[in-house]
Every structure is written in structure tokens, then in C-alpha cells.
Amino acid sequence: MIRGIAPYVATSWMAMFYFGLTLGRFLGGFLVMRLTDRQMVRLGQGLMLLGIIIIALPFNALLLPGLLLMGFGASPIFPNILLGTPSRFGVRYNSAMIGFQMSFAYAGISFLPPIFGVVGTTVGYVFFPLFLAVLLGGMITASTMLYRRFPEQSK
């Protein structure tokens, strides 16, 4: 039991992340008419950071809103990164770059949960927000480097 929450309860709370992801994808469809793909990615990253901060706070009542916010923030990132691929890399390399992005996404989905499982059982699950923050920091760094390399906007 971590933070006084039974594992079966914590597992069911993860549904809030997926609810936020679904809600964010729906609402993101309307936002994309006003914002560029780059702005959508940055907005998502900011919301994820806020969600991580909320989850890191020692108040269990904030875990559900934090998970919802993280899902909501995660929702526009992947679709909008893919959306900007043709304008950054050109039509010639579009399919190769999207394949590259997809393979990294699936590798992350496959390997990061077990990696954190090992870290969590060894060091402690209290480091989950830090683990997420490090991953988010890597994503922000990579997207910043990409946006500097390809400054033109896709819209």
C-alpha cells in the first residue's frame, strides 16, 4: 500500500488518466482549429507538468485530478507531432519519419512500464512523479531541439 491507497483502488484510479486522454482528444479536435500543432504540443506538455506536480503533492484527494490532467495533457502530443511531420521533413521522408515516431512510441509503451516496475519495487513508488518528470523533460528537450532545427510552422 502506497500513500494509504490499496493497489486495487489505485489501479481503478488509472482509468481517470484514460478518461482525460479521451476527453482531451475530443476537445483537442476543436482547439486544433485555433492553435498550431506546435502550440498544441506545448500546451499538452504544460498540462502534463502541472499534472505531475499535483500527483507529487502529499494530498491523496489530488491524485484523481492530477491523473485526469496528465491524460488531458498527453492527448494532443502524439497526434500533433505526427501532424507536423510532413512540413518538417518533407513529403519524401514523411512515411519514414512517421514510422520512426511510431516505433519509438511503441517501444516506450512496451518498455517504460516494466522499467518503472523494477525501479518502483527497488527504490520505491514514491519516485513515480520524478520518473514522469524526467521523461517529460526528455520530451520537452527533444521537441525544443526539433523546433529550433525546423523553425517553420506547419499551419
N, C-alpha and C. Protein backbone atom coordinates (compact mmCIF):
# COMPACT_ATOMS: atom_id res chain seq x y z
N MET A 1 0.85 -1.17 0.00
CA MET A 1 0.00 0.00 0.00
C MET A 1 0.90 1.24 0.00
N ILE A 2 0.62 2.15 -0.92
CA ILE A 2 1.40 3.37 -1.03
C ILE A 2 0.46 4.55 -0.82
N ARG A 3 0.88 5.47 0.05
CA ARG A 3 0.07 6.64 0.41
C ARG A 3 -1.27 6.23 0.99
N GLY A 4 -1.35 5.04 1.57
CA GLY A 4 -2.57 4.56 2.19
C GLY A 4 -3.65 4.12 1.21
N ILE A 5 -3.27 3.91 -0.04
CA ILE A 5 -4.24 3.53 -1.07
C ILE A 5 -3.98 2.09 -1.47
N ALA A 6 -5.00 1.27 -1.40
CA ALA A 6 -4.88 -0.14 -1.76
C ALA A 6 -4.59 -0.26 -3.26
N PRO A 7 -3.80 -1.26 -3.64
CA PRO A 7 -3.44 -1.43 -5.06
C PRO A 7 -4.65 -1.53 -5.99
N TYR A 8 -5.70 -2.25 -5.58
CA TYR A 8 -6.85 -2.38 -6.47
C TYR A 8 -7.57 -1.05 -6.67
N VAL A 9 -7.53 -0.17 -5.66
CA VAL A 9 -8.12 1.16 -5.80
C VAL A 9 -7.26 2.02 -6.72
N ALA A 10 -5.96 1.99 -6.51
CA ALA A 10 -5.04 2.77 -7.35
C ALA A 10 -5.14 2.34 -8.81
N THR A 11 -5.28 1.06 -9.04
CA THR A 11 -5.42 0.56 -10.41
C THR A 11 -6.68 1.11 -11.05
N SER A 12 -7.77 1.12 -10.32
CA SER A 12 -9.02 1.65 -10.89
C SER A 12 -8.93 3.16 -11.11
N TRP A 13 -8.13 3.85 -10.32
CA TRP A 13 -7.96 5.29 -10.48
C TRP A 13 -7.23 5.62 -11.79
N MET A 14 -6.46 4.68 -12.30
CA MET A 14 -5.76 4.94 -13.57
C MET A 14 -6.73 5.17 -14.70
N ALA A 15 -7.97 4.72 -14.53
CA ALA A 15 -9.00 4.99 -15.54
C ALA A 15 -9.19 6.50 -15.72
N MET A 16 -8.90 7.27 -14.70
CA MET A 16 -9.03 8.73 -14.80
C MET A 16 -8.04 9.29 -15.81
N PHE A 17 -6.85 8.71 -15.89
CA PHE A 17 -5.87 9.12 -16.91
C PHE A 17 -6.45 8.90 -18.30
N TYR A 18 -7.02 7.72 -18.52
CA TYR A 18 -7.57 7.40 -19.83
C TYR A 18 -8.82 8.22 -20.15
N PHE A 19 -9.58 8.57 -19.13
CA PHE A 19 -10.71 9.46 -19.34
C PHE A 19 -10.21 10.83 -19.79
N GLY A 20 -9.17 11.33 -19.13
CA GLY A 20 -8.57 12.61 -19.53
C GLY A 20 -8.01 12.55 -20.94
N LEU A 21 -7.40 11.43 -21.29
CA LEU A 21 -6.86 11.24 -22.63
C LEU A 21 -7.98 11.30 -23.67
N THR A 22 -9.08 10.61 -23.39
CA THR A 22 -10.22 10.59 -24.31
C THR A 22 -10.86 11.97 -24.42
N LEU A 23 -11.09 12.60 -23.29
CA LEU A 23 -11.69 13.93 -23.28
C LEU A 23 -10.78 14.94 -24.00
N GLY A 24 -9.50 14.83 -23.76
CA GLY A 24 -8.54 15.73 -24.40
C GLY A 24 -8.49 15.55 -25.90
N ARG A 25 -8.58 14.32 -26.38
CA ARG A 25 -8.59 14.09 -27.83
C ARG A 25 -9.84 14.70 -28.45
N PHE A 26 -10.96 14.56 -27.76
CA PHE A 26 -12.22 15.12 -28.27
C PHE A 26 -12.12 16.65 -28.33
N LEU A 27 -11.75 17.27 -27.22
CA LEU A 27 -11.69 18.73 -27.18
C LEU A 27 -10.54 19.28 -28.02
N GLY A 28 -9.48 18.50 -28.13
CA GLY A 28 -8.34 18.91 -28.96
C GLY A 28 -8.72 19.07 -30.42
N GLY A 29 -9.71 18.32 -30.87
CA GLY A 29 -10.20 18.46 -32.24
C GLY A 29 -10.75 19.85 -32.51
N PHE A 30 -11.29 20.49 -31.48
CA PHE A 30 -11.78 21.86 -31.63
C PHE A 30 -10.65 22.87 -31.48
N LEU A 31 -9.74 22.61 -30.56
CA LEU A 31 -8.62 23.52 -30.32
C LEU A 31 -7.67 23.61 -31.52
N VAL A 32 -7.52 22.51 -32.23
CA VAL A 32 -6.56 22.49 -33.34
C VAL A 32 -6.98 23.45 -34.45
N MET A 33 -8.24 23.89 -34.45
CA MET A 33 -8.68 24.88 -35.43
C MET A 33 -8.14 26.27 -35.11
N ARG A 34 -7.74 26.48 -33.87
CA ARG A 34 -7.24 27.79 -33.43
C ARG A 34 -5.74 27.80 -33.13
N LEU A 35 -5.19 26.65 -32.80
CA LEU A 35 -3.79 26.57 -32.41
C LEU A 35 -3.00 25.77 -33.44
N THR A 36 -1.71 26.03 -33.52
CA THR A 36 -0.85 25.26 -34.41
C THR A 36 -0.48 23.94 -33.74
N ASP A 37 0.07 23.03 -34.51
CA ASP A 37 0.48 21.75 -33.94
C ASP A 37 1.53 21.96 -32.86
N ARG A 38 2.43 22.90 -33.07
CA ARG A 38 3.47 23.20 -32.07
C ARG A 38 2.85 23.73 -30.78
N GLN A 39 1.87 24.61 -30.89
CA GLN A 39 1.20 25.14 -29.70
C GLN A 39 0.44 24.05 -28.96
N MET A 40 -0.16 23.15 -29.70
CA MET A 40 -0.88 22.04 -29.08
C MET A 40 0.07 21.14 -28.30
N VAL A 41 1.24 20.86 -28.86
CA VAL A 41 2.23 20.03 -28.17
C VAL A 41 2.70 20.73 -26.90
N ARG A 42 3.01 22.01 -27.00
CA ARG A 42 3.47 22.76 -25.82
C ARG A 42 2.38 22.84 -24.74
N LEU A 43 1.14 23.06 -25.16
CA LEU A 43 0.03 23.08 -24.22
C LEU A 43 -0.08 21.74 -23.50
N GLY A 44 0.01 20.66 -24.25
CA GLY A 44 -0.06 19.33 -23.65
C GLY A 44 1.08 19.09 -22.67
N GLN A 45 2.28 19.50 -23.05
CA GLN A 45 3.42 19.32 -22.15
C GLN A 45 3.25 20.13 -20.87
N GLY A 46 2.72 21.34 -20.99
CA GLY A 46 2.48 22.16 -19.80
C GLY A 46 1.43 21.53 -18.88
N LEU A 47 0.37 21.01 -19.47
CA LEU A 47 -0.67 20.36 -18.66
C LEU A 47 -0.14 19.09 -18.00
N MET A 48 0.69 18.35 -18.72
CA MET A 48 1.29 17.15 -18.11
C MET A 48 2.18 17.53 -16.93
N LEU A 49 2.96 18.60 -17.09
CA LEU A 49 3.82 19.05 -15.99
C LEU A 49 2.98 19.43 -14.78
N LEU A 50 1.90 20.15 -15.01
CA LEU A 50 1.01 20.52 -13.92
C LEU A 50 0.42 19.27 -13.26
N GLY A 51 0.02 18.28 -14.06
CA GLY A 51 -0.49 17.03 -13.51
C GLY A 51 0.54 16.30 -12.67
N ILE A 52 1.78 16.28 -13.13
CA ILE A 52 2.86 15.63 -12.37
C ILE A 52 3.07 16.33 -11.04
N ILE A 53 3.06 17.65 -11.06
CA ILE A 53 3.24 18.41 -9.82
C ILE A 53 2.10 18.09 -8.85
N ILE A 54 0.88 18.04 -9.35
CA ILE A 54 -0.28 17.74 -8.49
C ILE A 54 -0.16 16.33 -7.91
N ILE A 55 0.26 15.37 -8.72
CA ILE A 55 0.41 14.00 -8.24
C ILE A 55 1.50 13.91 -7.17
N ALA A 56 2.53 14.73 -7.31
CA ALA A 56 3.64 14.70 -6.36
C ALA A 56 3.27 15.29 -5.00
N LEU A 57 2.21 16.09 -4.96
CA LEU A 57 1.81 16.68 -3.68
C LEU A 57 1.31 15.58 -2.74
N PRO A 58 1.48 15.77 -1.44
CA PRO A 58 1.13 14.69 -0.48
C PRO A 58 -0.34 14.60 -0.13
N PHE A 59 -1.22 15.04 -1.01
CA PHE A 59 -2.66 15.03 -0.73
C PHE A 59 -3.33 14.02 -1.65
N ASN A 60 -3.82 12.93 -1.07
CA ASN A 60 -4.45 11.88 -1.87
C ASN A 60 -5.68 12.37 -2.63
N ALA A 61 -6.35 13.38 -2.11
CA ALA A 61 -7.53 13.91 -2.78
C ALA A 61 -7.18 14.54 -4.13
N LEU A 62 -5.91 14.87 -4.33
CA LEU A 62 -5.49 15.49 -5.59
C LEU A 62 -5.01 14.48 -6.63
N LEU A 63 -4.93 13.21 -6.25
CA LEU A 63 -4.44 12.21 -7.21
C LEU A 63 -5.34 12.08 -8.43
N LEU A 64 -6.65 12.00 -8.22
CA LEU A 64 -7.57 11.85 -9.35
C LEU A 64 -7.53 13.05 -10.29
N PRO A 65 -7.60 14.29 -9.78
CA PRO A 65 -7.47 15.43 -10.69
C PRO A 65 -6.10 15.47 -11.39
N GLY A 66 -5.05 15.06 -10.69
CA GLY A 66 -3.73 15.04 -11.30
C GLY A 66 -3.64 14.04 -12.44
N LEU A 67 -4.23 12.86 -12.24
CA LEU A 67 -4.25 11.85 -13.30
C LEU A 67 -5.09 12.32 -14.49
N LEU A 68 -6.22 12.96 -14.20
CA LEU A 68 -7.07 13.49 -15.26
C LEU A 68 -6.30 14.54 -16.07
N LEU A 69 -5.61 15.43 -15.39
CA LEU A 69 -4.85 16.47 -16.05
C LEU A 69 -3.69 15.90 -16.87
N MET A 70 -3.05 14.87 -16.35
CA MET A 70 -1.98 14.23 -17.12
C MET A 70 -2.51 13.60 -18.40
N GLY A 71 -3.64 12.93 -18.33
CA GLY A 71 -4.24 12.35 -19.53
C GLY A 71 -4.67 13.42 -20.51
N PHE A 72 -5.26 14.47 -19.98
CA PHE A 72 -5.69 15.59 -20.82
C PHE A 72 -4.49 16.23 -21.51
N GLY A 73 -3.39 16.36 -20.79
CA GLY A 73 -2.18 16.93 -21.37
C GLY A 73 -1.52 16.01 -22.38
N ALA A 74 -1.58 14.72 -22.14
CA ALA A 74 -0.96 13.77 -23.06
C ALA A 74 -1.71 13.66 -24.37
N SER A 75 -2.99 13.98 -24.35
CA SER A 75 -3.84 13.73 -25.52
C SER A 75 -3.41 14.43 -26.80
N PRO A 76 -2.99 15.69 -26.80
CA PRO A 76 -2.68 16.31 -28.09
C PRO A 76 -1.25 16.07 -28.58
N ILE A 77 -0.41 15.51 -27.76
CA ILE A 77 1.01 15.48 -28.11
C ILE A 77 1.31 14.59 -29.31
N PHE A 78 0.98 13.34 -29.23
CA PHE A 78 1.34 12.41 -30.31
C PHE A 78 0.67 12.75 -31.64
N PRO A 79 -0.65 13.01 -31.65
CA PRO A 79 -1.26 13.35 -32.94
C PRO A 79 -0.66 14.61 -33.58
N ASN A 80 -0.33 15.60 -32.76
CA ASN A 80 0.19 16.84 -33.32
C ASN A 80 1.66 16.75 -33.71
N ILE A 81 2.40 15.87 -33.07
CA ILE A 81 3.77 15.62 -33.54
C ILE A 81 3.71 14.96 -34.91
N LEU A 82 2.81 14.00 -35.08
CA LEU A 82 2.66 13.36 -36.38
C LEU A 82 2.14 14.34 -37.43
N LEU A 83 1.24 15.23 -37.03
CA LEU A 83 0.67 16.21 -37.95
C LEU A 83 1.74 17.12 -38.55
N GLY A 84 2.72 17.48 -37.77
CA GLY A 84 3.77 18.39 -38.25
C GLY A 84 4.89 17.70 -39.01
N THR A 85 4.88 16.40 -39.09
CA THR A 85 5.97 15.66 -39.73
C THR A 85 6.18 16.03 -41.19
N PRO A 86 5.15 16.08 -42.03
CA PRO A 86 5.38 16.40 -43.44
C PRO A 86 6.01 17.78 -43.66
N SER A 87 5.59 18.76 -42.87
CA SER A 87 6.13 20.11 -43.06
C SER A 87 7.57 20.22 -42.56
N ARG A 88 7.95 19.38 -41.61
CA ARG A 88 9.32 19.44 -41.10
C ARG A 88 10.30 18.62 -41.95
N PHE A 89 9.87 17.47 -42.39
CA PHE A 89 10.79 16.55 -43.05
C PHE A 89 10.51 16.38 -44.54
N GLY A 90 9.41 16.95 -45.02
CA GLY A 90 9.08 16.86 -46.43
C GLY A 90 8.33 15.58 -46.77
N VAL A 91 7.68 15.63 -47.91
CA VAL A 91 6.87 14.50 -48.35
C VAL A 91 7.74 13.27 -48.61
N ARG A 92 8.95 13.51 -49.09
CA ARG A 92 9.84 12.40 -49.42
C ARG A 92 10.15 11.51 -48.21
N TYR A 93 10.35 12.14 -47.04
CA TYR A 93 10.73 11.40 -45.84
C TYR A 93 9.57 11.20 -44.86
N ASN A 94 8.38 11.66 -45.25
CA ASN A 94 7.23 11.63 -44.36
C ASN A 94 6.94 10.23 -43.80
N SER A 95 6.80 9.25 -44.66
CA SER A 95 6.42 7.91 -44.18
C SER A 95 7.53 7.30 -43.33
N ALA A 96 8.79 7.54 -43.69
CA ALA A 96 9.90 7.00 -42.89
C ALA A 96 9.93 7.64 -41.50
N MET A 97 9.72 8.94 -41.44
CA MET A 97 9.76 9.63 -40.15
C MET A 97 8.55 9.25 -39.27
N ILE A 98 7.40 9.10 -39.89
CA ILE A 98 6.24 8.66 -39.10
C ILE A 98 6.45 7.24 -38.59
N GLY A 99 7.03 6.39 -39.41
CA GLY A 99 7.37 5.04 -38.95
C GLY A 99 8.35 5.06 -37.79
N PHE A 100 9.33 5.96 -37.88
CA PHE A 100 10.31 6.13 -36.81
C PHE A 100 9.62 6.58 -35.52
N GLN A 101 8.73 7.56 -35.64
CA GLN A 101 8.00 8.07 -34.47
C GLN A 101 7.11 6.98 -33.87
N MET A 102 6.44 6.24 -34.72
CA MET A 102 5.56 5.16 -34.24
C MET A 102 6.37 4.09 -33.51
N SER A 103 7.52 3.73 -34.07
CA SER A 103 8.32 2.68 -33.43
C SER A 103 8.82 3.13 -32.07
N PHE A 104 9.23 4.39 -31.94
CA PHE A 104 9.67 4.87 -30.64
C PHE A 104 8.51 4.94 -29.65
N ALA A 105 7.34 5.32 -30.12
CA ALA A 105 6.17 5.37 -29.25
C ALA A 105 5.84 3.98 -28.71
N TYR A 106 5.84 2.99 -29.60
CA TYR A 106 5.52 1.63 -29.16
C TYR A 106 6.62 1.04 -28.29
N ALA A 107 7.87 1.40 -28.56
CA ALA A 107 8.95 0.94 -27.70
C ALA A 107 8.79 1.51 -26.29
N GLY A 108 8.41 2.79 -26.22
CA GLY A 108 8.18 3.41 -24.91
C GLY A 108 7.03 2.76 -24.17
N ILE A 109 5.95 2.50 -24.90
CA ILE A 109 4.79 1.84 -24.28
C ILE A 109 5.15 0.44 -23.79
N SER A 110 6.04 -0.23 -24.52
CA SER A 110 6.41 -1.61 -24.17
C SER A 110 7.41 -1.69 -23.02
N PHE A 111 8.38 -0.78 -23.01
CA PHE A 111 9.50 -0.94 -22.08
C PHE A 111 9.45 -0.05 -20.84
N LEU A 112 8.85 1.12 -20.91
CA LEU A 112 8.89 2.01 -19.76
C LEU A 112 8.09 1.51 -18.55
N PRO A 113 6.89 0.95 -18.72
CA PRO A 113 6.20 0.43 -17.52
C PRO A 113 6.98 -0.66 -16.78
N PRO A 114 7.55 -1.66 -17.48
CA PRO A 114 8.34 -2.63 -16.74
C PRO A 114 9.60 -2.04 -16.10
N ILE A 115 10.20 -1.05 -16.79
CA ILE A 115 11.39 -0.41 -16.20
C ILE A 115 11.01 0.28 -14.91
N PHE A 116 9.89 1.02 -14.92
CA PHE A 116 9.50 1.66 -13.68
C PHE A 116 9.06 0.65 -12.64
N GLY A 117 8.49 -0.48 -13.07
CA GLY A 117 8.14 -1.53 -12.12
C GLY A 117 9.36 -2.00 -11.34
N VAL A 118 10.47 -2.17 -12.03
CA VAL A 118 11.72 -2.56 -11.37
C VAL A 118 12.21 -1.43 -10.46
N VAL A 119 12.18 -0.20 -10.98
CA VAL A 119 12.60 0.95 -10.17
C VAL A 119 11.71 1.09 -8.94
N GLY A 120 10.39 0.99 -9.15
CA GLY A 120 9.45 1.15 -8.05
C GLY A 120 9.61 0.11 -6.96
N THR A 121 9.80 -1.15 -7.35
CA THR A 121 9.96 -2.18 -6.32
C THR A 121 11.32 -2.10 -5.65
N THR A 122 12.31 -1.58 -6.35
CA THR A 122 13.65 -1.48 -5.77
C THR A 122 13.81 -0.24 -4.90
N VAL A 123 13.45 0.90 -5.44
CA VAL A 123 13.69 2.18 -4.77
C VAL A 123 12.45 2.68 -4.05
N GLY A 124 11.31 2.47 -4.65
CA GLY A 124 10.06 2.93 -4.05
C GLY A 124 9.18 3.63 -5.07
N TYR A 125 7.90 3.41 -4.96
CA TYR A 125 6.95 4.00 -5.90
C TYR A 125 6.73 5.48 -5.65
N VAL A 126 7.27 5.99 -4.58
CA VAL A 126 7.17 7.42 -4.29
C VAL A 126 7.90 8.23 -5.37
N PHE A 127 8.78 7.60 -6.12
CA PHE A 127 9.55 8.27 -7.16
C PHE A 127 8.81 8.31 -8.50
N PHE A 128 7.57 7.85 -8.55
CA PHE A 128 6.81 7.85 -9.80
C PHE A 128 6.70 9.25 -10.42
N PRO A 129 6.35 10.29 -9.64
CA PRO A 129 6.29 11.63 -10.25
C PRO A 129 7.66 12.09 -10.79
N LEU A 130 8.73 11.75 -10.09
CA LEU A 130 10.06 12.11 -10.58
C LEU A 130 10.39 11.38 -11.88
N PHE A 131 10.03 10.12 -11.95
CA PHE A 131 10.22 9.32 -13.17
C PHE A 131 9.47 9.97 -14.34
N LEU A 132 8.22 10.36 -14.10
CA LEU A 132 7.43 11.02 -15.13
C LEU A 132 8.03 12.36 -15.52
N ALA A 133 8.52 13.11 -14.53
CA ALA A 133 9.12 14.42 -14.81
C ALA A 133 10.38 14.29 -15.65
N VAL A 134 11.17 13.27 -15.39
CA VAL A 134 12.38 13.05 -16.19
C VAL A 134 12.00 12.72 -17.63
N LEU A 135 11.02 11.87 -17.81
CA LEU A 135 10.56 11.54 -19.17
C LEU A 135 9.99 12.76 -19.88
N LEU A 136 9.20 13.54 -19.16
CA LEU A 136 8.63 14.75 -19.74
C LEU A 136 9.74 15.74 -20.09
N GLY A 137 10.73 15.86 -19.23
CA GLY A 137 11.87 16.72 -19.51
C GLY A 137 12.60 16.31 -20.78
N GLY A 138 12.75 15.00 -20.98
CA GLY A 138 13.36 14.50 -22.21
C GLY A 138 12.53 14.84 -23.43
N MET A 139 11.21 14.72 -23.29
CA MET A 139 10.33 15.05 -24.40
C MET A 139 10.38 16.55 -24.71
N ILE A 140 10.38 17.38 -23.70
CA ILE A 140 10.44 18.83 -23.91
C ILE A 140 11.77 19.21 -24.56
N THR A 141 12.85 18.61 -24.11
CA THR A 141 14.16 18.88 -24.69
C THR A 141 14.20 18.46 -26.16
N ALA A 142 13.71 17.27 -26.46
CA ALA A 142 13.72 16.78 -27.84
C ALA A 142 12.85 17.65 -28.74
N SER A 143 11.66 18.02 -28.27
CA SER A 143 10.79 18.84 -29.11
C SER A 143 11.36 20.24 -29.29
N THR A 144 12.00 20.78 -28.27
CA THR A 144 12.64 22.09 -28.39
C THR A 144 13.76 22.05 -29.43
N MET A 145 14.56 21.01 -29.39
CA MET A 145 15.63 20.86 -30.38
C MET A 145 15.05 20.73 -31.79
N LEU A 146 13.98 19.97 -31.92
CA LEU A 146 13.33 19.80 -33.22
C LEU A 146 12.77 21.12 -33.73
N TYR A 147 12.10 21.86 -32.86
CA TYR A 147 11.50 23.13 -33.27
C TYR A 147 12.57 24.16 -33.62
N ARG A 148 13.70 24.11 -32.98
CA ARG A 148 14.79 25.03 -33.34
C ARG A 148 15.41 24.65 -34.68
N ARG A 149 15.49 23.37 -34.93
CA ARG A 149 16.06 22.89 -36.19
C ARG A 149 15.13 23.17 -37.37
N PHE A 150 13.83 23.09 -37.13
CA PHE A 150 12.82 23.31 -38.17
C PHE A 150 11.88 24.42 -37.69
N PRO A 151 12.30 25.67 -37.81
CA PRO A 151 11.51 26.77 -37.22
C PRO A 151 10.20 27.07 -37.93
N GLU A 152 10.02 26.64 -39.17
CA GLU A 152 8.78 26.98 -39.86
C GLU A 152 7.59 26.27 -39.22
N GLN A 153 6.47 26.95 -39.27
CA GLN A 153 5.25 26.43 -38.67
C GLN A 153 4.46 25.67 -39.71
N SER A 154 3.74 24.64 -39.29
CA SER A 154 3.05 23.78 -40.23
C SER A 154 1.71 24.32 -40.69
N LYS A 155 1.20 25.38 -40.06
CA LYS A 155 -0.13 25.87 -40.47
C LYS A 155 -0.02 27.02 -41.41
